[in-house]
Amino acid sequence: MPTVTSADGTPIGYDTTGRGPALILVDGAMCLRAGGPMPLLAKHLQDHFEVYCYDRRGRGESGDTGPYAVAREVEDLQTVVAAAGGSARVHTMSSGAAIGLAAAAQGTGITALTAYEPPFGSDSPEYTAELTRLLASGARGDAVALFMAKVGLPAPVIDHMRLAPGFASLEAIAPTLAYDDAALREPLDWSAIRVPCTIVAGGASPEFLQHAARTTAERIPGAALEVLEGQDHNVDAAALAPLLITLLS
């Protein structure tokens, strides 16, 4: 597995598959290459792109140099763009859109961007305060459970998941929940985003996610909005990939 070194010295682990123009995939909260949707999506895209999957800082094979700042995550993505030859298309998932769009606003090598259901507007002071308290006290499992409740999982489902062996892997990256929360709250210069952007929503997703997608598309100059009927936030890679191939080829 190759790594690149971000501007602050943090190692960023990534891998590639396929051939064609470079396409970088940016995960949302609680996801990484070993436990997220991007590797499967990459398999559906590899006949059309050279696909780069990387672990965002604090996850998987990437390091984590403090203190955290959204700008450091933007630098991480820029470093992966440099590894891809200096220019790349970018597809982002959920809160990962905050990183991709912030990088695109800086005009550094991103040639086109798609974002699936960026949840702008879903942050709240109460969630931020409780998440901060739990992480500061070392209650990582409770922090993960708080996030799961925030995204709508029923309490019995969360309780069951906490008993599963895989929950430990979520606890390991629980501090990055604060990173995603910060990224969604970071002011963004929407007018500075000049690359072609398409925001995608699932037709079966809750209205607040569809509203967030519409609002995001309206804020970005020239951005388009696409709706994948029958899909929700856990989008099927086989359904999403053909749209991305059309938009980014």
Protein backbone atom coordinates (compact mmCIF):
# COMPACT_ATOMS: atom_id res chain seq x y z
CA MET A 1 0.00 0.00 0.00
CA PRO A 2 1.48 3.36 -1.01
CA THR A 3 1.42 6.42 1.23
CA VAL A 4 1.90 10.09 0.61
CA THR A 5 2.93 12.71 3.14
CA SER A 6 0.57 15.62 3.69
CA ALA A 7 1.78 19.17 4.22
CA ASP A 8 1.92 18.79 8.01
CA GLY A 9 3.85 15.52 7.83
CA THR A 10 0.87 13.19 8.26
CA PRO A 11 1.11 9.95 6.25
CA ILE A 12 -1.96 9.29 4.12
CA GLY A 13 -2.56 5.72 2.99
CA TYR A 14 -4.21 5.05 -0.34
CA ASP A 15 -4.56 2.48 -3.08
CA THR A 16 -5.46 2.53 -6.73
CA THR A 17 -7.32 0.33 -9.16
CA GLY A 18 -8.20 0.56 -12.84
CA ARG A 19 -6.95 2.61 -15.74
CA GLY A 20 -8.03 5.91 -17.19
CA PRO A 21 -8.33 9.47 -15.89
CA ALA A 22 -7.73 9.81 -12.16
CA LEU A 23 -10.77 9.74 -9.89
CA ILE A 24 -10.40 10.19 -6.13
CA LEU A 25 -13.10 8.92 -3.75
CA VAL A 26 -13.64 10.76 -0.46
CA ASP A 27 -15.42 8.95 2.37
CA GLY A 28 -18.00 10.33 4.78
CA ALA A 29 -18.17 9.86 8.54
CA MET A 30 -17.29 6.51 10.15
CA CYS A 31 -16.00 5.08 6.86
CA LEU A 32 -12.56 3.99 5.71
CA ARG A 33 -11.16 1.73 3.03
CA ALA A 34 -11.41 -1.34 5.27
CA GLY A 35 -14.99 -0.57 6.25
CA GLY A 36 -16.87 1.67 3.89
CA PRO A 37 -18.58 1.87 0.51
CA MET A 38 -15.72 3.16 -1.61
CA PRO A 39 -13.83 -0.09 -2.43
CA LEU A 40 -16.99 -1.64 -3.90
CA LEU A 41 -17.75 1.55 -5.81
CA ALA A 42 -14.18 1.53 -7.12
CA LYS A 43 -14.73 -1.93 -8.61
CA HIS A 44 -17.68 -0.60 -10.59
CA LEU A 45 -15.60 2.35 -11.84
CA GLN A 46 -12.24 0.74 -12.55
CA ASP A 47 -12.93 0.07 -16.24
CA HIS A 48 -13.33 3.81 -16.81
CA PHE A 49 -10.98 5.50 -14.32
CA GLU A 50 -7.84 5.04 -12.32
CA VAL A 51 -9.61 5.12 -8.97
CA TYR A 52 -7.86 6.35 -5.84
CA CYS A 53 -9.28 5.33 -2.45
CA TYR A 54 -7.58 6.88 0.57
CA ASP A 55 -8.01 6.80 4.32
CA ARG A 56 -8.88 10.21 5.68
CA ARG A 57 -6.65 11.26 8.56
CA GLY A 58 -7.28 9.44 11.81
CA ARG A 59 -8.59 6.37 9.98
CA GLY A 60 -7.15 3.10 8.78
CA GLU A 61 -3.62 3.35 7.41
CA SER A 62 -3.41 7.15 7.67
CA GLY A 63 -1.88 9.06 10.54
CA ASP A 64 -3.39 11.84 12.60
CA THR A 65 -1.38 14.92 13.51
CA GLY A 66 -3.04 17.36 15.89
CA PRO A 67 -4.49 19.80 16.40
CA TYR A 68 -7.22 19.12 13.85
CA ALA A 69 -8.24 21.72 11.30
CA VAL A 70 -10.40 21.35 8.22
CA ALA A 71 -7.58 22.95 6.24
CA ARG A 72 -5.36 19.96 7.08
CA GLU A 73 -7.90 17.59 5.53
CA VAL A 74 -8.03 19.77 2.45
CA GLU A 75 -4.25 19.48 2.25
CA ASP A 76 -4.56 15.70 2.55
CA LEU A 77 -6.84 15.59 -0.48
CA GLN A 78 -4.57 17.95 -2.38
CA THR A 79 -1.66 15.61 -1.62
CA VAL A 80 -3.56 12.67 -3.10
CA VAL A 81 -4.38 14.81 -6.16
CA ALA A 82 -0.65 15.45 -6.54
CA ALA A 83 0.03 11.71 -6.32
CA ALA A 84 -2.54 11.22 -9.09
CA GLY A 85 -0.51 13.43 -11.39
CA GLY A 86 -1.66 16.89 -10.33
CA SER A 87 -5.24 16.78 -11.52
CA ALA A 88 -8.18 14.51 -10.79
CA ARG A 89 -11.91 14.17 -10.72
CA VAL A 90 -13.32 13.79 -7.22
CA HIS A 91 -16.38 11.96 -5.92
CA THR A 92 -17.43 12.56 -2.32
CA MET A 93 -19.87 10.83 -0.03
CA SER A 94 -21.96 12.52 2.67
CA SER A 95 -19.84 14.74 4.95
CA GLY A 96 -16.80 14.06 2.77
CA ALA A 97 -18.32 16.62 0.42
CA ALA A 98 -17.29 19.36 2.83
CA ILE A 99 -13.65 18.41 2.26
CA GLY A 100 -13.98 18.01 -1.51
CA LEU A 101 -15.84 21.28 -1.99
CA ALA A 102 -13.39 23.20 0.22
CA ALA A 103 -10.54 21.84 -1.90
CA ALA A 104 -12.37 22.69 -5.12
CA ALA A 105 -12.88 26.26 -3.89
CA GLN A 106 -9.09 26.59 -3.74
CA GLY A 107 -8.78 25.56 -7.38
CA THR A 108 -5.99 23.06 -6.82
CA GLY A 109 -6.14 20.32 -9.41
CA ILE A 110 -9.74 19.16 -9.06
CA THR A 111 -11.27 19.16 -12.53
CA ALA A 112 -14.81 17.99 -11.70
CA LEU A 113 -16.66 16.98 -8.55
CA THR A 114 -19.70 14.94 -7.62
CA ALA A 115 -21.19 14.75 -4.13
CA TYR A 116 -23.72 12.24 -2.88
CA GLU A 117 -26.07 13.70 -0.27
CA PRO A 118 -23.85 16.25 1.50
CA PRO A 119 -25.65 16.79 4.84
CA PHE A 120 -25.05 20.52 5.18
CA GLY A 121 -27.41 22.04 7.73
CA SER A 122 -27.67 18.87 9.81
CA ASP A 123 -25.23 20.08 12.47
CA SER A 124 -26.47 21.35 15.82
CA PRO A 125 -24.80 23.02 18.83
CA GLU A 126 -26.27 20.36 21.12
CA TYR A 127 -24.75 17.51 19.12
CA THR A 128 -21.37 19.25 18.91
CA ALA A 129 -21.30 19.89 22.66
CA GLU A 130 -22.27 16.34 23.60
CA LEU A 131 -19.87 14.80 21.09
CA THR A 132 -17.05 16.96 22.44
CA ARG A 133 -17.87 15.95 26.02
CA LEU A 134 -17.99 12.22 25.25
CA LEU A 135 -14.73 12.22 23.30
CA ALA A 136 -12.96 14.27 25.95
CA SER A 137 -14.01 11.74 28.59
CA GLY A 138 -12.84 8.80 26.49
CA ALA A 139 -16.37 7.44 25.97
CA ARG A 140 -15.77 6.51 22.34
CA GLY A 141 -18.55 3.93 22.19
CA ASP A 142 -21.06 6.46 23.47
CA ALA A 143 -19.80 8.97 20.89
CA VAL A 144 -20.41 6.47 18.08
CA ALA A 145 -23.85 5.70 19.49
CA LEU A 146 -24.62 9.43 19.61
CA PHE A 147 -23.74 9.75 15.94
CA MET A 148 -25.83 6.70 15.04
CA ALA A 149 -28.82 8.19 16.84
CA LYS A 150 -28.27 11.49 15.06
CA VAL A 151 -28.47 9.81 11.64
CA GLY A 152 -31.68 8.06 12.57
CA LEU A 153 -30.81 4.56 13.73
CA PRO A 154 -33.31 3.25 16.33
CA ALA A 155 -32.00 2.68 19.85
CA PRO A 156 -32.51 -1.14 19.74
CA VAL A 157 -30.44 -1.33 16.56
CA ILE A 158 -27.67 0.75 18.14
CA ASP A 159 -27.69 -1.43 21.26
CA HIS A 160 -27.37 -4.55 19.10
CA MET A 161 -24.52 -3.05 17.08
CA ARG A 162 -22.61 -2.18 20.25
CA LEU A 163 -22.49 -5.89 21.08
CA ALA A 164 -21.09 -6.87 17.68
CA PRO A 165 -17.33 -7.53 17.30
CA GLY A 166 -17.06 -4.94 14.54
CA PHE A 167 -18.08 -2.11 16.85
CA ALA A 168 -14.51 -1.90 18.13
CA SER A 169 -13.37 -0.72 14.69
CA LEU A 170 -15.88 2.13 14.90
CA GLU A 171 -14.71 3.08 18.38
CA ALA A 172 -11.15 3.25 17.05
CA ILE A 173 -12.04 6.07 14.66
CA ALA A 174 -14.61 7.78 16.91
CA PRO A 175 -12.44 10.94 17.28
CA THR A 176 -12.92 11.59 13.55
CA LEU A 177 -16.62 12.21 14.20
CA ALA A 178 -15.50 15.59 15.53
CA TYR A 179 -13.61 16.16 12.28
CA ASP A 180 -16.70 15.60 10.15
CA ASP A 181 -18.78 17.77 12.44
CA ALA A 182 -16.21 20.57 12.14
CA ALA A 183 -16.05 20.19 8.36
CA LEU A 184 -19.81 20.59 7.99
CA ARG A 185 -19.71 23.73 10.17
CA GLU A 186 -16.70 25.30 8.41
CA PRO A 187 -17.67 28.40 6.36
CA LEU A 188 -17.33 27.70 2.65
CA ASP A 189 -16.81 30.21 -0.15
CA TRP A 190 -19.39 28.74 -2.50
CA SER A 191 -18.76 31.38 -5.19
CA ALA A 192 -15.12 30.28 -5.47
CA ILE A 193 -16.09 26.79 -6.69
CA ARG A 194 -15.61 27.00 -10.43
CA VAL A 195 -15.22 23.37 -11.45
CA PRO A 196 -18.18 21.39 -12.84
CA CYS A 197 -20.15 20.03 -9.87
CA THR A 198 -23.10 17.69 -9.64
CA ILE A 199 -24.90 17.03 -6.38
CA VAL A 200 -26.71 13.70 -6.20
CA ALA A 201 -29.60 12.75 -3.92
CA GLY A 202 -31.41 9.49 -3.37
CA GLY A 203 -35.08 9.60 -4.24
CA ALA A 204 -35.89 7.39 -1.23
CA SER A 205 -33.84 9.41 1.26
CA PRO A 206 -35.40 11.49 4.03
CA GLU A 207 -36.56 14.92 2.97
CA PHE A 208 -33.90 16.70 5.00
CA LEU A 209 -31.15 15.01 2.95
CA GLN A 210 -32.90 15.78 -0.32
CA HIS A 211 -33.36 19.39 0.80
CA ALA A 212 -29.68 19.60 1.73
CA ALA A 213 -28.72 18.31 -1.72
CA ARG A 214 -30.96 20.84 -3.47
CA THR A 215 -29.66 23.70 -1.34
CA THR A 216 -26.04 22.71 -1.94
CA ALA A 217 -26.57 22.62 -5.70
CA GLU A 218 -28.20 26.06 -5.59
CA ARG A 219 -25.22 27.54 -3.74
CA ILE A 220 -22.56 26.39 -6.21
CA PRO A 221 -22.32 28.42 -9.44
CA GLY A 222 -23.50 26.30 -12.36
CA ALA A 223 -23.94 23.12 -10.31
CA ALA A 224 -26.44 20.46 -11.36
CA LEU A 225 -28.70 18.26 -9.25
CA GLU A 226 -29.40 14.60 -10.01
CA VAL A 227 -31.81 12.27 -8.21
CA LEU A 228 -31.29 8.51 -8.10
CA GLU A 229 -34.77 7.12 -7.74
CA GLY A 230 -35.18 4.29 -5.27
CA GLN A 231 -31.88 5.00 -3.50
CA ASP A 232 -31.30 6.27 0.03
CA HIS A 233 -28.18 7.37 1.91
CA ASN A 234 -26.78 3.84 1.75
CA VAL A 235 -26.63 4.08 -2.01
CA ASP A 236 -26.10 0.93 -4.07
CA ALA A 237 -22.73 1.13 -5.83
CA ALA A 238 -24.18 -0.60 -8.90
CA ALA A 239 -26.83 2.12 -9.16
CA LEU A 240 -24.50 5.04 -8.53
CA ALA A 241 -21.56 4.03 -10.73
CA PRO A 242 -23.27 4.46 -14.15
CA LEU A 243 -24.27 8.01 -13.22
CA LEU A 244 -20.72 8.84 -12.09
CA ILE A 245 -19.29 7.38 -15.30
CA THR A 246 -21.60 9.63 -17.32
CA LEU A 247 -20.87 12.74 -15.25
CA LEU A 248 -17.12 12.35 -14.87
CA SER A 249 -15.91 10.73 -18.09
